[in-house]
Amino acid sequence: MSENAHSEMLSNRQRELLELVGSGVTTSKDLAEHTGLSPMYIDKVLHQAAKQLGVRDRHAAVARLKIIKVSDPRSDVRAQPLPQTDNLRLSEPASGEPAKRTVRRFLTPPKLGGEYQNLPWDEILLQIFKVALLGLITVMALVLIVLGFFRTFG
């Protein structure tokens, strides 16, 4: 099924809520205040919309809907130019988040179980690197323990 067919399956309510999320109203409580609907109903509608668009959450659904609108020739939405990256320094992450958060994000273990993990390639490679590094550190620690044991008792 094409992306445009997925977007046409969305109800008006789903589109309305996704547009509000895209405009910065992100929590279910805030959406409920804007629309007069219950937060639980909003969660259900946004979850169904994300599922219909083939993504994992409301923010990814908003991004997918924007891509569909830009690629649809009938749409009046036009692509926005990419931001300039000339001023980025190597000492700070591209997203602008502090380095402490980046380190914490690197040290968190990969998510296990649950729904299908729809991670981008850079996140998949990061998870593989983390597991490989942890394995290497474990093997090195075991080698040092064994060598120390033989030195002490050998």
C-alpha atoms as a PDB file:
ATOM      1  CA  MET A   1       0.000   0.000   0.000  1.00  0.00           C
ATOM      2  CA  SER A   2       1.415   3.427  -0.918  1.00  0.00           C
ATOM      3  CA  GLU A   3       2.104   6.173   1.607  1.00  0.00           C
ATOM      4  CA  ASN A   4      -0.669   8.328   0.161  1.00  0.00           C
ATOM      5  CA  ALA A   5      -3.129   5.470   0.628  1.00  0.00           C
ATOM      6  CA  HIS A   6      -2.063   5.226   4.268  1.00  0.00           C
ATOM      7  CA  SER A   7      -2.648   8.943   4.795  1.00  0.00           C
ATOM      8  CA  GLU A   8      -6.037   8.830   3.090  1.00  0.00           C
ATOM      9  CA  MET A   9      -7.129   6.110   5.541  1.00  0.00           C
ATOM     10  CA  LEU A  10      -6.708   8.539   8.441  1.00  0.00           C
ATOM     11  CA  SER A  11      -9.888  10.022   9.853  1.00  0.00           C
ATOM     12  CA  ASN A  12     -10.394  13.755  10.173  1.00  0.00           C
ATOM     13  CA  ARG A  13      -9.996  13.424  13.965  1.00  0.00           C
ATOM     14  CA  GLN A  14      -6.645  11.624  13.526  1.00  0.00           C
ATOM     15  CA  ARG A  15      -5.424  14.303  11.123  1.00  0.00           C
ATOM     16  CA  GLU A  16      -6.587  17.082  13.461  1.00  0.00           C
ATOM     17  CA  LEU A  17      -4.768  15.589  16.452  1.00  0.00           C
ATOM     18  CA  LEU A  18      -1.601  14.893  14.448  1.00  0.00           C
ATOM     19  CA  GLU A  19      -1.580  18.500  13.214  1.00  0.00           C
ATOM     20  CA  LEU A  20      -1.898  19.730  16.808  1.00  0.00           C
ATOM     21  CA  VAL A  21       1.005  17.487  17.852  1.00  0.00           C
ATOM     22  CA  GLY A  22       3.002  18.876  14.937  1.00  0.00           C
ATOM     23  CA  SER A  23       2.275  22.426  16.077  1.00  0.00           C
ATOM     24  CA  GLY A  24       3.782  21.751  19.511  1.00  0.00           C
ATOM     25  CA  VAL A  25       0.818  20.578  21.583  1.00  0.00           C
ATOM     26  CA  THR A  26       2.315  17.212  22.472  1.00  0.00           C
ATOM     27  CA  THR A  27       0.862  15.877  25.718  1.00  0.00           C
ATOM     28  CA  SER A  28      -2.502  14.172  25.820  1.00  0.00           C
ATOM     29  CA  LYS A  29      -3.585  16.513  28.613  1.00  0.00           C
ATOM     30  CA  ASP A  30      -2.823  19.609  26.517  1.00  0.00           C
ATOM     31  CA  LEU A  31      -4.534  18.063  23.494  1.00  0.00           C
ATOM     32  CA  ALA A  32      -7.579  17.341  25.665  1.00  0.00           C
ATOM     33  CA  GLU A  33      -7.729  20.980  26.727  1.00  0.00           C
ATOM     34  CA  HIS A  34      -7.585  22.114  23.089  1.00  0.00           C
ATOM     35  CA  THR A  35     -10.166  19.661  21.763  1.00  0.00           C
ATOM     36  CA  GLY A  36     -12.437  18.885  24.697  1.00  0.00           C
ATOM     37  CA  LEU A  37     -11.773  15.149  24.343  1.00  0.00           C
ATOM     38  CA  SER A  38     -10.511  12.820  27.053  1.00  0.00           C
ATOM     39  CA  PRO A  39      -6.759  12.134  27.237  1.00  0.00           C
ATOM     40  CA  MET A  40      -7.345   8.363  27.042  1.00  0.00           C
ATOM     41  CA  TYR A  41      -9.365   8.754  23.842  1.00  0.00           C
ATOM     42  CA  ILE A  42      -6.640  10.981  22.385  1.00  0.00           C
ATOM     43  CA  ASP A  43      -3.997   8.351  23.186  1.00  0.00           C
ATOM     44  CA  LYS A  44      -6.106   5.695  21.467  1.00  0.00           C
ATOM     45  CA  VAL A  45      -6.712   7.805  18.352  1.00  0.00           C
ATOM     46  CA  LEU A  46      -3.042   8.785  18.019  1.00  0.00           C
ATOM     47  CA  HIS A  47      -1.897   5.191  18.575  1.00  0.00           C
ATOM     48  CA  GLN A  48      -4.240   4.011  15.796  1.00  0.00           C
ATOM     49  CA  ALA A  49      -3.008   6.781  13.493  1.00  0.00           C
ATOM     50  CA  ALA A  50       0.615   5.834  14.122  1.00  0.00           C
ATOM     51  CA  LYS A  51      -0.197   2.184  13.484  1.00  0.00           C
ATOM     52  CA  GLN A  52      -1.954   3.050  10.197  1.00  0.00           C
ATOM     53  CA  LEU A  53       1.052   5.097   9.089  1.00  0.00           C
ATOM     54  CA  GLY A  54       3.396   2.261  10.028  1.00  0.00           C
ATOM     55  CA  VAL A  55       5.349   4.096  12.742  1.00  0.00           C
ATOM     56  CA  ARG A  56       5.822   3.629  16.482  1.00  0.00           C
ATOM     57  CA  ASP A  57       4.593   6.858  18.105  1.00  0.00           C
ATOM     58  CA  ARG A  58       2.762  10.148  17.599  1.00  0.00           C
ATOM     59  CA  HIS A  59       5.886  12.162  16.771  1.00  0.00           C
ATOM     60  CA  ALA A  60       6.959   9.705  14.085  1.00  0.00           C
ATOM     61  CA  ALA A  61       3.387   9.785  12.733  1.00  0.00           C
ATOM     62  CA  VAL A  62       3.568  13.575  12.440  1.00  0.00           C
ATOM     63  CA  ALA A  63       6.874  13.306  10.581  1.00  0.00           C
ATOM     64  CA  ARG A  64       5.461  10.637   8.244  1.00  0.00           C
ATOM     65  CA  LEU A  65       2.367  12.725   7.556  1.00  0.00           C
ATOM     66  CA  LYS A  66       4.548  15.741   6.698  1.00  0.00           C
ATOM     67  CA  ILE A  67       6.594  13.617   4.291  1.00  0.00           C
ATOM     68  CA  ILE A  68       3.416  12.359   2.651  1.00  0.00           C
ATOM     69  CA  LYS A  69       2.056  15.900   2.290  1.00  0.00           C
ATOM     70  CA  VAL A  70       5.304  17.130   0.722  1.00  0.00           C
ATOM     71  CA  SER A  71       5.470  14.200  -1.707  1.00  0.00           C
ATOM     72  CA  ASP A  72       1.781  14.490  -2.667  1.00  0.00           C
ATOM     73  CA  PRO A  73       1.440  16.613  -5.831  1.00  0.00           C
ATOM     74  CA  ARG A  74      -2.085  17.666  -4.797  1.00  0.00           C
ATOM     75  CA  SER A  75      -0.797  19.119  -1.530  1.00  0.00           C
ATOM     76  CA  ASP A  76      -0.072  22.819  -1.107  1.00  0.00           C
ATOM     77  CA  VAL A  77       2.710  22.026   1.397  1.00  0.00           C
ATOM     78  CA  ARG A  78       6.243  22.573   0.092  1.00  0.00           C
ATOM     79  CA  ALA A  79       9.499  21.210   1.436  1.00  0.00           C
ATOM     80  CA  GLN A  80      11.377  23.421   3.865  1.00  0.00           C
ATOM     81  CA  PRO A  81      15.101  24.049   3.277  1.00  0.00           C
ATOM     82  CA  LEU A  82      17.512  22.205   5.544  1.00  0.00           C
ATOM     83  CA  PRO A  83      19.150  24.239   8.328  1.00  0.00           C
ATOM     84  CA  GLN A  84      22.728  25.404   7.810  1.00  0.00           C
ATOM     85  CA  THR A  85      25.321  23.292   9.626  1.00  0.00           C
ATOM     86  CA  ASP A  86      28.339  25.589   9.225  1.00  0.00           C
ATOM     87  CA  ASN A  87      28.377  26.698  12.874  1.00  0.00           C
ATOM     88  CA  LEU A  88      28.416  23.238  14.461  1.00  0.00           C
ATOM     89  CA  ARG A  89      31.430  22.466  16.607  1.00  0.00           C
ATOM     90  CA  LEU A  90      32.745  18.984  17.232  1.00  0.00           C
ATOM     91  CA  SER A  91      32.492  19.465  20.997  1.00  0.00           C
ATOM     92  CA  GLU A  92      28.706  19.703  21.001  1.00  0.00           C
ATOM     93  CA  PRO A  93      26.141  17.265  19.580  1.00  0.00           C
ATOM     94  CA  ALA A  94      24.320  18.280  16.399  1.00  0.00           C
ATOM     95  CA  SER A  95      20.952  18.299  18.163  1.00  0.00           C
ATOM     96  CA  GLY A  96      22.204  20.804  20.731  1.00  0.00           C
ATOM     97  CA  GLU A  97      21.648  18.496  23.706  1.00  0.00           C
ATOM     98  CA  PRO A  98      24.327  18.670  26.394  1.00  0.00           C
ATOM     99  CA  ALA A  99      27.230  16.253  26.238  1.00  0.00           C
ATOM    100  CA  LYS A 100      26.164  14.731  29.574  1.00  0.00           C
ATOM    101  CA  ARG A 101      22.870  13.632  28.024  1.00  0.00           C
ATOM    102  CA  THR A 102      24.706  12.167  25.057  1.00  0.00           C
ATOM    103  CA  VAL A 103      26.913  10.072  27.340  1.00  0.00           C
ATOM    104  CA  ARG A 104      23.889   8.936  29.354  1.00  0.00           C
ATOM    105  CA  ARG A 105      22.091   7.996  26.124  1.00  0.00           C
ATOM    106  CA  PHE A 106      25.123   5.986  25.020  1.00  0.00           C
ATOM    107  CA  LEU A 107      25.311   4.105  28.327  1.00  0.00           C
ATOM    108  CA  THR A 108      21.637   3.066  28.425  1.00  0.00           C
ATOM    109  CA  PRO A 109      21.086  -0.549  27.393  1.00  0.00           C
ATOM    110  CA  PRO A 110      19.083  -1.359  24.254  1.00  0.00           C
ATOM    111  CA  LYS A 111      15.324  -1.783  24.645  1.00  0.00           C
ATOM    112  CA  LEU A 112      14.188  -5.373  24.792  1.00  0.00           C
ATOM    113  CA  GLY A 113      10.794  -6.848  23.934  1.00  0.00           C
ATOM    114  CA  GLY A 114       7.631  -4.897  23.282  1.00  0.00           C
ATOM    115  CA  GLU A 115       6.478  -3.731  19.898  1.00  0.00           C
ATOM    116  CA  TYR A 116       8.544  -3.894  16.732  1.00  0.00           C
ATOM    117  CA  GLN A 117      11.560  -1.641  17.114  1.00  0.00           C
ATOM    118  CA  ASN A 118      11.551   0.777  14.200  1.00  0.00           C
ATOM    119  CA  LEU A 119      14.995   2.280  14.799  1.00  0.00           C
ATOM    120  CA  PRO A 120      16.913   4.285  12.203  1.00  0.00           C
ATOM    121  CA  TRP A 121      20.201   2.818  10.950  1.00  0.00           C
ATOM    122  CA  ASP A 122      22.396   5.089  13.051  1.00  0.00           C
ATOM    123  CA  GLU A 123      20.618   3.933  16.219  1.00  0.00           C
ATOM    124  CA  ILE A 124      20.929   0.276  15.183  1.00  0.00           C
ATOM    125  CA  LEU A 125      24.666   0.697  14.583  1.00  0.00           C
ATOM    126  CA  LEU A 126      25.024   2.467  17.929  1.00  0.00           C
ATOM    127  CA  GLN A 127      23.297  -0.441  19.702  1.00  0.00           C
ATOM    128  CA  ILE A 128      25.559  -2.975  17.930  1.00  0.00           C
ATOM    129  CA  PHE A 129      28.642  -0.947  18.884  1.00  0.00           C
ATOM    130  CA  LYS A 130      27.525  -0.767  22.512  1.00  0.00           C
ATOM    131  CA  VAL A 131      27.018  -4.532  22.752  1.00  0.00           C
ATOM    132  CA  ALA A 132      30.386  -5.221  21.050  1.00  0.00           C
ATOM    133  CA  LEU A 133      32.180  -2.802  23.390  1.00  0.00           C
ATOM    134  CA  LEU A 134      30.563  -4.362  26.448  1.00  0.00           C
ATOM    135  CA  GLY A 135      31.636  -7.822  25.240  1.00  0.00           C
ATOM    136  CA  LEU A 136      35.203  -6.647  24.684  1.00  0.00           C
ATOM    137  CA  ILE A 137      35.406  -5.100  28.156  1.00  0.00           C
ATOM    138  CA  THR A 138      34.025  -8.307  29.710  1.00  0.00           C
ATOM    139  CA  VAL A 139      36.563 -10.514  27.900  1.00  0.00           C
ATOM    140  CA  MET A 140      39.432  -8.209  28.885  1.00  0.00           C
ATOM    141  CA  ALA A 141      38.331  -8.254  32.530  1.00  0.00           C
ATOM    142  CA  LEU A 142      38.163 -12.063  32.543  1.00  0.00           C
ATOM    143  CA  VAL A 143      41.634 -12.322  30.982  1.00  0.00           C
ATOM    144  CA  LEU A 144      43.069 -10.008  33.631  1.00  0.00           C
ATOM    145  CA  ILE A 145      41.418 -12.009  36.416  1.00  0.00           C
ATOM    146  CA  VAL A 146      42.770 -15.301  35.052  1.00  0.00           C
ATOM    147  CA  LEU A 147      46.280 -13.864  34.567  1.00  0.00           C
ATOM    148  CA  GLY A 148      46.225 -12.490  38.101  1.00  0.00           C
ATOM    149  CA  PHE A 149      45.104 -15.855  39.434  1.00  0.00           C
ATOM    150  CA  PHE A 150      47.969 -17.687  37.673  1.00  0.00           C
ATOM    151  CA  ARG A 151      50.511 -15.101  38.839  1.00  0.00           C
ATOM    152  CA  THR A 152      49.368 -15.390  42.415  1.00  0.00           C
ATOM    153  CA  PHE A 153      49.083 -19.169  42.586  1.00  0.00           C
ATOM    154  CA  GLY A 154      51.251 -20.269  39.675  1.00  0.00           C
END
